[in-house]
């Protein structure tokens, strides 16, 4: 498998050498959309952290007949051994997709159908279950979100033929940046190391009182087990944090990720405690976004957390290219067989942390705001053709990224003319970038501490 992948990348590099530029297609070329990958955040949910008013949050969830309706025409593919349960999974009515979330995701499905009709799907090649592939983390809210999305994508019609498979096999281990346990045992050590950088420590001290004030204000809302919830990059519960707060004779505040998710849920329903304001909500959310981007923007952590998923996305596109090339060489009907072997639309149902992790590992522009419920990252595989003597010939395959319809530039590649970050990048160069190696050194001694190489994180030496 590794040899085949290397050969495929070599072929792509040969093809790319004939292009005039690595930053944009030739203006005289024809562009053809071959495949679209959509990675979306789930819809609106109840808070993950248990709160006291369980009955209220239960009323926010869709009724059983709604869930049965959106599940029609789909089937789950799970591993025999099951998947690990994540700390952000939720229990009871908490961490669950709400009725508002169902409607959001159905609307997203309709939006995707409108965007892709006439480009990816045409009268000759219409939208069909055989032409799509679905994967999801094994959370109720992500599975139900993509089921709702499919009702909008297919206009709510009863799907004919075999059920659409939603693959959740081992997805909890690599479709999120903070799986429990981590993909690599030393990732938590790396997270702790990066969290101790002076500018991060200083920022935490600066906002420590805010964390305590918001936690205190939320005490009347917190349910049983709220303080034991643990998730997020750099926010796993640790004995060190407990010891520090014990010495100060004050309770440990809730983790920033918890504070943000509780405030968002309460504020959207006008349930904020009277001592908290919209400004507090914004300040907490701004800090959480800053922390996540500040940590995951480091290439060693970004690849430790998200390389496996990012590499899968690249390989999906490489396989689509290889399939089409093979069929063309064999002189057979290309589109139909390749659409089945390598679907033209791949949908991944995941989380906000997934989107943040991918933005960082793919080195894309950071959005102005945190990805809201139902946000989606889209990767478009675009084939560049030039007219030959008798037929068109592919000279390059490009990838363009967008978030909620807004194109995101790739910060690691520059336009040859303007020197601005590129809006489209060659698939071959994207594959190279994904496989770049990175190191972290001790600033004091110069000793190498961590290495990312050959798809693995190595902790070389303690500081």
Protein backbone atom coordinates (compact mmCIF):
# COMPACT_ATOMS: atom_id res chain seq x y z
CA UNK A 1 0.00 0.00 0.00
CA UNK A 2 2.84 2.41 0.87
CA UNK A 3 4.68 1.59 -2.38
CA UNK A 4 1.51 2.13 -4.39
CA UNK A 5 0.92 5.48 -2.73
CA UNK A 6 4.50 6.58 -3.44
CA UNK A 7 4.17 5.55 -7.10
CA UNK A 8 0.93 7.50 -7.38
CA UNK A 9 2.56 10.63 -5.97
CA UNK A 10 5.47 10.23 -8.39
CA UNK A 11 3.02 10.15 -11.30
CA UNK A 12 1.33 13.30 -10.01
CA UNK A 13 4.69 15.07 -9.77
CA UNK A 14 5.50 14.18 -13.38
CA UNK A 15 2.12 15.53 -14.49
CA UNK A 16 2.61 18.76 -12.56
CA UNK A 17 5.95 19.52 -14.20
CA UNK A 18 4.21 20.47 -17.47
CA UNK A 19 2.18 23.24 -15.83
CA UNK A 20 3.40 26.81 -16.28
CA UNK A 21 2.80 27.77 -12.68
CA UNK A 22 2.34 26.17 -9.27
CA UNK A 23 0.14 29.01 -8.09
CA UNK A 24 -2.69 29.20 -10.63
CA UNK A 25 -4.01 27.38 -13.72
CA UNK A 26 -3.23 28.62 -17.22
CA UNK A 27 -5.99 31.09 -18.23
CA UNK A 28 -6.40 29.22 -21.55
CA UNK A 29 -7.03 25.88 -19.85
CA UNK A 30 -10.39 24.26 -19.19
CA UNK A 31 -11.21 23.44 -15.57
CA UNK A 32 -13.33 20.41 -14.65
CA UNK A 33 -14.59 19.66 -11.13
CA UNK A 34 -13.84 15.98 -10.45
CA UNK A 35 -14.50 15.47 -6.75
CA UNK A 36 -15.68 17.38 -3.69
CA UNK A 37 -14.87 16.56 -0.07
CA UNK A 38 -17.11 18.15 2.58
CA UNK A 39 -16.14 18.13 6.26
CA UNK A 40 -18.88 19.66 8.38
CA UNK A 41 -19.52 20.46 12.00
CA UNK A 42 -22.67 18.99 13.53
CA UNK A 43 -25.75 21.13 14.07
CA UNK A 44 -26.91 22.93 17.20
CA UNK A 45 -26.62 20.78 20.33
CA UNK A 46 -27.39 20.81 24.01
CA UNK A 47 -24.43 21.51 26.33
CA UNK A 48 -21.95 18.67 26.80
CA UNK A 49 -21.40 19.61 30.44
CA UNK A 50 -24.31 18.29 32.56
CA UNK A 51 -26.60 21.04 33.84
CA UNK A 52 -29.33 20.86 36.47
CA UNK A 53 -32.40 21.47 34.32
CA UNK A 54 -32.39 18.15 32.44
CA UNK A 55 -36.10 18.39 31.67
CA UNK A 56 -35.63 21.67 29.79
CA UNK A 57 -32.79 20.32 27.67
CA UNK A 58 -34.81 17.21 26.91
CA UNK A 59 -37.49 19.44 25.38
CA UNK A 60 -34.88 20.86 22.98
CA UNK A 61 -34.18 17.46 21.40
CA UNK A 62 -35.98 16.04 18.35
CA UNK A 63 -38.73 13.52 19.03
CA UNK A 64 -38.18 9.86 18.20
CA UNK A 65 -40.29 9.95 15.02
CA UNK A 66 -38.06 12.75 13.66
CA UNK A 67 -34.91 10.74 14.32
CA UNK A 68 -36.48 7.66 12.75
CA UNK A 69 -37.44 9.73 9.72
CA UNK A 70 -33.98 11.14 9.03
CA UNK A 71 -32.39 7.72 9.61
CA UNK A 72 -34.44 6.08 6.84
CA UNK A 73 -32.32 5.05 3.90
CA UNK A 74 -29.10 4.95 5.96
CA UNK A 75 -27.24 2.25 7.84
CA UNK A 76 -24.35 2.46 10.29
CA UNK A 77 -21.12 0.53 9.82
CA UNK A 78 -19.46 -0.01 13.19
CA UNK A 79 -16.42 -2.11 14.14
CA UNK A 80 -17.22 -5.31 16.07
CA UNK A 81 -15.20 -4.09 19.04
CA UNK A 82 -16.99 -0.74 19.13
CA UNK A 83 -15.42 2.71 19.37
CA UNK A 84 -13.92 4.43 22.42
CA UNK A 85 -16.29 6.84 24.18
CA UNK A 86 -15.00 10.39 24.17
CA UNK A 87 -15.32 12.79 27.10
CA UNK A 88 -17.31 15.18 24.88
CA UNK A 89 -19.83 12.48 23.95
CA UNK A 90 -22.35 13.65 26.53
CA UNK A 91 -24.87 11.70 28.59
CA UNK A 92 -28.64 11.78 28.85
CA UNK A 93 -30.00 14.89 27.12
CA UNK A 94 -26.55 16.54 27.10
CA UNK A 95 -24.27 16.72 24.09
CA UNK A 96 -27.18 15.81 21.81
CA UNK A 97 -28.36 17.28 18.52
CA UNK A 98 -31.34 19.59 19.06
CA UNK A 99 -34.36 20.03 16.81
CA UNK A 100 -32.81 23.31 15.73
CA UNK A 101 -29.71 21.34 14.78
CA UNK A 102 -31.76 18.92 12.65
CA UNK A 103 -33.22 21.84 10.70
CA UNK A 104 -29.78 23.47 10.32
CA UNK A 105 -28.30 20.32 8.81
CA UNK A 106 -31.23 19.70 6.45
CA UNK A 107 -30.75 23.28 5.27
CA UNK A 108 -27.04 22.62 4.73
CA UNK A 109 -27.93 19.59 2.60
CA UNK A 110 -30.15 21.80 0.44
CA UNK A 111 -27.35 24.35 0.11
CA UNK A 112 -24.87 21.70 -0.98
CA UNK A 113 -27.33 20.36 -3.55
CA UNK A 114 -27.68 23.85 -5.02
CA UNK A 115 -23.92 24.44 -5.03
CA UNK A 116 -23.07 21.13 -6.71
CA UNK A 117 -25.91 20.88 -9.24
CA UNK A 118 -24.60 21.72 -12.70
CA UNK A 119 -20.95 21.31 -11.71
CA UNK A 120 -20.37 18.06 -9.86
CA UNK A 121 -23.81 16.63 -10.63
CA UNK A 122 -25.41 17.04 -14.05
CA UNK A 123 -28.26 15.54 -16.06
CA UNK A 124 -25.83 12.97 -17.44
CA UNK A 125 -24.34 12.27 -14.00
CA UNK A 126 -27.09 13.07 -11.46
CA UNK A 127 -26.80 12.95 -7.71
CA UNK A 128 -27.14 9.32 -6.65
CA UNK A 129 -26.32 7.38 -3.46
CA UNK A 130 -23.73 5.36 -5.40
CA UNK A 131 -21.76 8.53 -6.05
CA UNK A 132 -21.33 9.58 -2.43
CA UNK A 133 -19.43 8.24 0.58
CA UNK A 134 -20.17 9.12 4.21
CA UNK A 135 -18.02 8.92 7.32
CA UNK A 136 -18.80 10.23 10.80
CA UNK A 137 -17.43 10.23 14.29
CA UNK A 138 -19.37 7.84 16.51
CA UNK A 139 -21.34 10.52 18.36
CA UNK A 140 -25.14 10.63 18.25
CA UNK A 141 -25.04 14.30 17.25
CA UNK A 142 -22.68 13.82 14.27
CA UNK A 143 -24.48 10.72 12.96
CA UNK A 144 -27.88 12.41 13.22
CA UNK A 145 -26.44 15.59 11.66
CA UNK A 146 -25.31 13.85 8.49
CA UNK A 147 -28.60 11.92 8.32
CA UNK A 148 -30.45 15.25 8.43
CA UNK A 149 -28.05 16.66 5.83
CA UNK A 150 -28.88 13.77 3.50
CA UNK A 151 -32.62 14.54 3.71
CA UNK A 152 -31.86 18.04 2.42
CA UNK A 153 -29.34 16.83 -0.15
CA UNK A 154 -31.85 14.40 -1.65
CA UNK A 155 -34.79 16.81 -1.22
CA UNK A 156 -36.37 14.61 1.45
CA UNK A 157 -37.29 11.95 -1.13
CA UNK A 158 -37.44 8.28 -0.22
CA UNK A 159 -34.11 6.84 -1.34
CA UNK A 160 -34.30 3.80 -3.56
CA UNK A 161 -31.88 0.92 -3.68
CA UNK A 162 -29.37 -0.06 -0.98
CA UNK A 163 -29.13 2.08 2.14
CA UNK A 164 -26.44 4.76 2.28
CA UNK A 165 -23.68 3.55 4.58
CA UNK A 166 -22.41 5.85 7.32
CA UNK A 167 -18.98 4.54 8.27
CA UNK A 168 -18.06 5.16 11.92
CA UNK A 169 -15.32 2.54 12.16
CA UNK A 170 -12.49 3.85 14.37
CA UNK A 171 -13.34 7.43 13.37
CA UNK A 172 -13.23 8.63 16.99
CA UNK A 173 -9.48 7.99 16.89
CA UNK A 174 -8.52 10.35 14.05
CA UNK A 175 -11.37 12.61 12.88
CA UNK A 176 -10.84 14.81 15.96
CA UNK A 177 -7.58 16.34 17.25
CA UNK A 178 -8.13 15.26 20.86
CA UNK A 179 -9.12 11.57 20.74
CA UNK A 180 -9.20 9.69 24.02
CA UNK A 181 -6.75 8.01 24.06
CA UNK A 182 -4.58 10.08 21.72
CA UNK A 183 -3.24 8.53 18.50
CA UNK A 184 0.28 8.89 19.87
CA UNK A 185 0.94 8.38 23.61
CA UNK A 186 3.30 11.36 23.70
CA UNK A 187 0.81 13.84 22.23
CA UNK A 188 -0.37 14.81 25.71
CA UNK A 189 3.26 15.46 26.67
CA UNK A 190 3.61 17.65 23.59
CA UNK A 191 0.39 19.54 24.42
CA UNK A 192 1.67 20.17 27.94
CA UNK A 193 5.03 21.37 26.57
CA UNK A 194 3.43 23.85 24.18
CA UNK A 195 1.02 25.08 26.86
CA UNK A 196 4.01 26.15 28.96
CA UNK A 197 5.31 28.63 26.39
CA UNK A 198 5.70 32.02 28.11
CA UNK A 199 3.13 33.94 26.04
CA UNK A 200 0.50 31.28 26.72
CA UNK A 201 1.25 31.17 30.44
CA UNK A 202 1.05 34.96 30.60
CA UNK A 203 -2.29 34.98 28.79
CA UNK A 204 -3.70 32.35 31.15
CA UNK A 205 -2.66 34.44 34.17
CA UNK A 206 -4.25 37.50 32.62
CA UNK A 207 -7.59 35.74 32.14
CA UNK A 208 -7.54 33.56 35.26
CA UNK A 209 -9.97 35.81 37.13
CA UNK A 210 -12.39 35.69 34.18
CA UNK A 211 -12.35 31.88 34.27
CA UNK A 212 -13.10 31.86 38.01
CA UNK A 213 -15.77 34.57 37.76
CA UNK A 214 -17.64 32.78 34.97
CA UNK A 215 -17.30 29.41 36.73
CA UNK A 216 -18.69 30.91 39.95
CA UNK A 217 -21.60 32.46 38.04
CA UNK A 218 -22.43 29.10 36.47
CA UNK A 219 -22.39 27.13 39.74
CA UNK A 220 -26.18 27.29 40.12
CA UNK A 221 -26.56 25.75 36.65
CA UNK A 222 -24.04 22.93 36.91
CA UNK A 223 -25.34 19.40 37.29
CA UNK A 224 -23.80 16.30 38.80
CA UNK A 225 -20.44 15.39 37.24
CA UNK A 226 -19.92 18.76 35.56
CA UNK A 227 -16.46 19.28 37.06
CA UNK A 228 -15.32 15.86 35.84
CA UNK A 229 -15.91 16.48 32.12
CA UNK A 230 -12.61 16.59 30.24
CA UNK A 231 -11.89 17.31 26.58
CA UNK A 232 -9.93 19.68 24.39
CA UNK A 233 -6.36 20.24 23.21
CA UNK A 234 -4.23 21.19 26.21
CA UNK A 235 -7.19 20.97 28.58
CA UNK A 236 -7.13 17.40 29.84
CA UNK A 237 -7.60 17.40 33.62
CA UNK A 238 -4.25 17.18 35.39
CA UNK A 239 -3.07 16.77 38.96
CA UNK A 240 -0.73 19.73 38.50
CA UNK A 241 -3.64 22.10 37.95
CA UNK A 242 -5.45 20.72 40.98
CA UNK A 243 -2.36 21.20 43.15
CA UNK A 244 -1.89 24.82 42.04
CA UNK A 245 -5.49 25.71 42.83
CA UNK A 246 -5.35 23.81 46.13
CA UNK A 247 -2.39 25.93 47.25
CA UNK A 248 -4.41 29.04 46.44
CA UNK A 249 -7.32 27.56 48.46
CA UNK A 250 -9.80 27.98 45.64
CA UNK A 251 -11.62 25.54 43.41
CA UNK A 252 -10.31 24.83 39.95
CA UNK A 253 -12.36 26.71 37.32
CA UNK A 254 -14.04 24.86 34.51
CA UNK A 255 -11.84 24.28 31.45
CA UNK A 256 -12.06 27.00 28.82
CA UNK A 257 -13.68 24.62 26.32
CA UNK A 258 -16.42 23.88 28.88
CA UNK A 259 -16.96 27.54 29.72
CA UNK A 260 -17.35 28.41 26.03
CA UNK A 261 -19.75 25.59 25.17
CA UNK A 262 -21.99 26.23 28.21
CA UNK A 263 -22.14 29.98 27.57
CA UNK A 264 -23.00 29.49 23.89
CA UNK A 265 -25.88 27.13 24.73
CA UNK A 266 -27.25 29.37 27.49
CA UNK A 267 -26.85 32.63 25.60
CA UNK A 268 -28.62 31.30 22.48
CA UNK A 269 -31.67 30.59 24.68
CA UNK A 270 -31.52 33.76 26.83
CA UNK A 271 -30.57 31.71 29.90
CA UNK A 272 -27.34 33.47 30.94
CA UNK A 273 -26.95 34.10 34.69
CA UNK A 274 -27.72 37.77 35.46
CA UNK A 275 -24.09 38.46 36.42
CA UNK A 276 -22.81 37.46 32.96
CA UNK A 277 -23.10 39.45 29.75
CA UNK A 278 -22.75 39.02 26.00
CA UNK A 279 -19.31 40.60 26.41
CA UNK A 280 -18.29 37.77 28.77
CA UNK A 281 -19.49 35.21 26.23
CA UNK A 282 -17.50 36.88 23.46
CA UNK A 283 -14.36 37.21 25.60
CA UNK A 284 -14.41 33.53 26.59
CA UNK A 285 -15.06 32.39 23.02
CA UNK A 286 -12.31 34.63 21.68
CA UNK A 287 -9.80 33.19 24.13
CA UNK A 288 -10.81 29.59 23.39
CA UNK A 289 -10.36 30.19 19.66
CA UNK A 290 -6.99 31.83 20.28
CA UNK A 291 -5.81 28.91 22.46
CA UNK A 292 -6.83 26.27 19.93
CA UNK A 293 -5.26 28.05 16.98
CA UNK A 294 -2.15 28.97 18.97
CA UNK A 295 -1.54 25.32 19.89
CA UNK A 296 -2.64 23.56 16.71
CA UNK A 297 -0.86 26.02 14.43
CA UNK A 298 2.41 24.45 15.58
CA UNK A 299 3.16 21.93 12.79
CA UNK A 300 4.34 19.13 15.10
CA UNK A 301 1.12 19.19 17.12
CA UNK A 302 -1.05 19.83 14.04
CA UNK A 303 0.31 16.72 12.36
CA UNK A 304 0.26 14.62 15.52
CA UNK A 305 -3.41 15.46 15.92
CA UNK A 306 -4.71 15.64 12.34
CA UNK A 307 -2.19 14.13 9.90
CA UNK A 308 -4.01 10.82 9.54
CA UNK A 309 -7.26 12.52 8.54
CA UNK A 310 -5.58 15.12 6.32
CA UNK A 311 -3.56 12.40 4.62
CA UNK A 312 -6.75 10.41 4.00
CA UNK A 313 -8.32 13.43 2.30
CA UNK A 314 -5.28 13.79 0.04
CA UNK A 315 -5.26 10.08 -0.73
CA UNK A 316 -9.00 10.19 -1.57
CA UNK A 317 -8.22 12.79 -4.23
CA UNK A 318 -5.13 10.95 -5.48
CA UNK A 319 -7.13 7.76 -5.89
CA UNK A 320 -9.82 9.63 -7.84
CA UNK A 321 -7.16 10.96 -10.21
CA UNK A 322 -5.59 7.51 -10.60
CA UNK A 323 -8.95 5.86 -11.27
CA UNK A 324 -9.87 8.32 -14.03
CA UNK A 325 -6.41 8.06 -15.61
CA UNK A 326 -6.58 4.26 -15.58
CA UNK A 327 -10.02 4.17 -17.20
CA UNK A 328 -8.96 6.64 -19.86
CA UNK A 329 -5.90 4.56 -20.68
CA UNK A 330 -8.07 1.44 -20.95
CA UNK A 331 -10.49 3.25 -23.23
CA UNK A 332 -13.56 2.34 -21.18
CA UNK A 333 -16.47 4.41 -19.89
CA UNK A 334 -14.69 6.44 -17.24
CA UNK A 335 -17.19 8.33 -15.18
CA UNK A 336 -19.68 5.68 -14.11
CA UNK A 337 -17.17 3.09 -12.88
CA UNK A 338 -14.92 5.65 -11.22
CA UNK A 339 -17.86 7.29 -9.45
CA UNK A 340 -18.54 3.94 -7.78
CA UNK A 341 -14.89 3.12 -7.01
CA UNK A 342 -14.00 6.66 -5.93
CA UNK A 343 -17.20 8.66 -5.22
CA UNK A 344 -17.42 12.21 -6.48
CA UNK A 345 -18.80 13.47 -3.15
CA UNK A 346 -17.29 12.44 0.19
CA UNK A 347 -18.93 13.79 3.35
CA UNK A 348 -17.34 13.68 6.81
CA UNK A 349 -19.54 14.54 9.78
CA UNK A 350 -17.45 15.82 12.68
CA UNK A 351 -16.86 18.73 15.07
CA UNK A 352 -15.62 22.31 15.33
CA UNK A 353 -12.30 20.97 16.62
CA UNK A 354 -12.03 18.90 13.43
CA UNK A 355 -12.37 22.00 11.28
CA UNK A 356 -9.87 23.94 13.38
CA UNK A 357 -7.39 21.05 13.25
CA UNK A 358 -7.69 20.72 9.46
CA UNK A 359 -7.30 24.46 8.91
CA UNK A 360 -4.07 24.28 10.86
CA UNK A 361 -2.56 21.09 9.40
CA UNK A 362 -3.47 22.19 5.85
CA UNK A 363 -2.02 25.67 6.61
CA UNK A 364 -5.10 27.56 5.45
CA UNK A 365 -6.15 31.08 6.32
CA UNK A 366 -7.77 31.36 9.72
CA UNK A 367 -11.43 32.43 9.62
CA UNK A 368 -12.52 35.60 11.33
CA UNK A 369 -14.89 33.72 13.64
CA UNK A 370 -15.06 30.29 15.26
CA UNK A 371 -16.84 27.75 13.00
CA UNK A 372 -20.48 27.82 14.09
CA UNK A 373 -22.86 24.87 14.15
CA UNK A 374 -23.30 23.46 10.65
CA UNK A 375 -20.10 25.06 9.31
CA UNK A 376 -18.45 23.13 6.48
CA UNK A 377 -14.99 22.97 4.98
CA UNK A 378 -15.02 22.08 1.29
CA UNK A 379 -12.10 20.73 -0.74
CA UNK A 380 -12.62 20.75 -4.50
CA UNK A 381 -10.48 18.56 -6.79
CA UNK A 382 -10.20 20.41 -10.10
CA UNK A 383 -8.70 18.97 -13.27
CA UNK A 384 -6.94 21.39 -15.64
CA UNK A 385 -7.17 20.37 -19.30
CA UNK A 386 -5.59 21.85 -22.41
CA UNK A 387 -6.76 21.17 -25.96
CA UNK A 388 -4.46 18.85 -27.89
CA UNK A 389 -4.40 17.87 -31.54
CA UNK A 390 -7.28 15.44 -31.18
CA UNK A 391 -8.48 15.60 -27.58
CA UNK A 392 -8.11 17.41 -24.27
CA UNK A 393 -5.23 16.42 -22.03
CA UNK A 394 -4.93 16.82 -18.25
CA UNK A 395 -1.87 18.85 -17.30
CA UNK A 396 -2.54 19.45 -13.61
CA UNK A 397 -4.88 18.67 -10.73
CA UNK A 398 -5.67 21.50 -8.35
CA UNK A 399 -7.28 21.70 -4.92
CA UNK A 400 -9.31 24.67 -3.70
CA UNK A 401 -10.51 25.03 -0.10
CA UNK A 402 -13.40 27.07 1.25
CA UNK A 403 -15.20 27.49 4.57
CA UNK A 404 -18.95 28.17 4.39
CA UNK A 405 -18.54 29.26 0.78
CA UNK A 406 -15.61 31.63 1.40
CA UNK A 407 -12.38 30.61 -0.35
CA UNK A 408 -9.48 30.02 2.05
CA UNK A 409 -6.00 30.72 0.72
CA UNK A 410 -3.16 28.29 1.36
CA UNK A 411 -0.57 30.22 3.37
CA UNK A 412 2.29 27.83 2.49
CA UNK A 413 2.18 28.60 -1.25
CA UNK A 414 2.46 31.98 -2.93
CA UNK A 415 1.10 33.28 -6.21
CA UNK A 416 3.98 33.73 -8.65
CA UNK A 417 2.77 37.16 -9.73
CA UNK A 418 1.18 38.79 -6.69
CA UNK A 419 3.11 36.89 -3.99
CA UNK A 420 -0.17 36.48 -2.13
CA UNK A 421 -1.26 33.20 -0.60
CA UNK A 422 -2.57 30.89 -3.32
CA UNK A 423 -6.30 30.26 -3.80
CA UNK A 424 -5.61 26.90 -5.48
CA UNK A 425 -2.68 24.52 -4.97
CA UNK A 426 -1.48 21.57 -7.05
CA UNK A 427 -2.52 18.24 -5.56
CA UNK A 428 1.05 17.00 -5.91
CA UNK A 429 2.41 19.91 -3.87
CA UNK A 430 -0.30 19.49 -1.24
CA UNK A 431 0.77 15.86 -0.88
CA UNK A 432 4.39 16.94 -0.46
CA UNK A 433 3.47 19.49 2.20
CA UNK A 434 1.44 16.95 4.16
CA UNK A 435 4.53 14.72 4.36
CA UNK A 436 6.95 17.46 5.47
CA UNK A 437 8.95 16.64 8.62
CA UNK A 438 9.15 18.93 11.67
CA UNK A 439 11.10 19.20 14.92
CA UNK A 440 10.84 21.01 18.26
CA UNK A 441 14.00 22.04 20.08
CA UNK A 442 14.58 23.22 23.63
CA UNK A 443 15.18 26.96 23.48
CA UNK A 444 17.58 26.80 26.42
CA UNK A 445 19.81 23.87 25.44
CA UNK A 446 19.09 23.39 21.74
CA UNK A 447 18.23 19.73 22.38
CA UNK A 448 15.70 18.14 20.06
CA UNK A 449 12.57 17.32 22.08
CA UNK A 450 9.96 16.16 19.55
CA UNK A 451 10.08 14.99 15.95
CA UNK A 452 7.32 14.44 13.41
CA UNK A 453 8.55 12.05 10.75
CA UNK A 454 7.06 9.34 8.53
CA UNK A 455 3.59 9.80 9.94
CA UNK A 456 4.59 9.40 13.59
CA UNK A 457 5.35 11.56 16.63
CA UNK A 458 8.57 10.79 18.49
CA UNK A 459 9.43 12.25 21.89
CA UNK A 460 13.21 12.30 21.57
CA UNK A 461 14.22 13.75 24.93
CA UNK A 462 12.74 15.30 28.06
CA UNK A 463 13.44 18.96 28.65
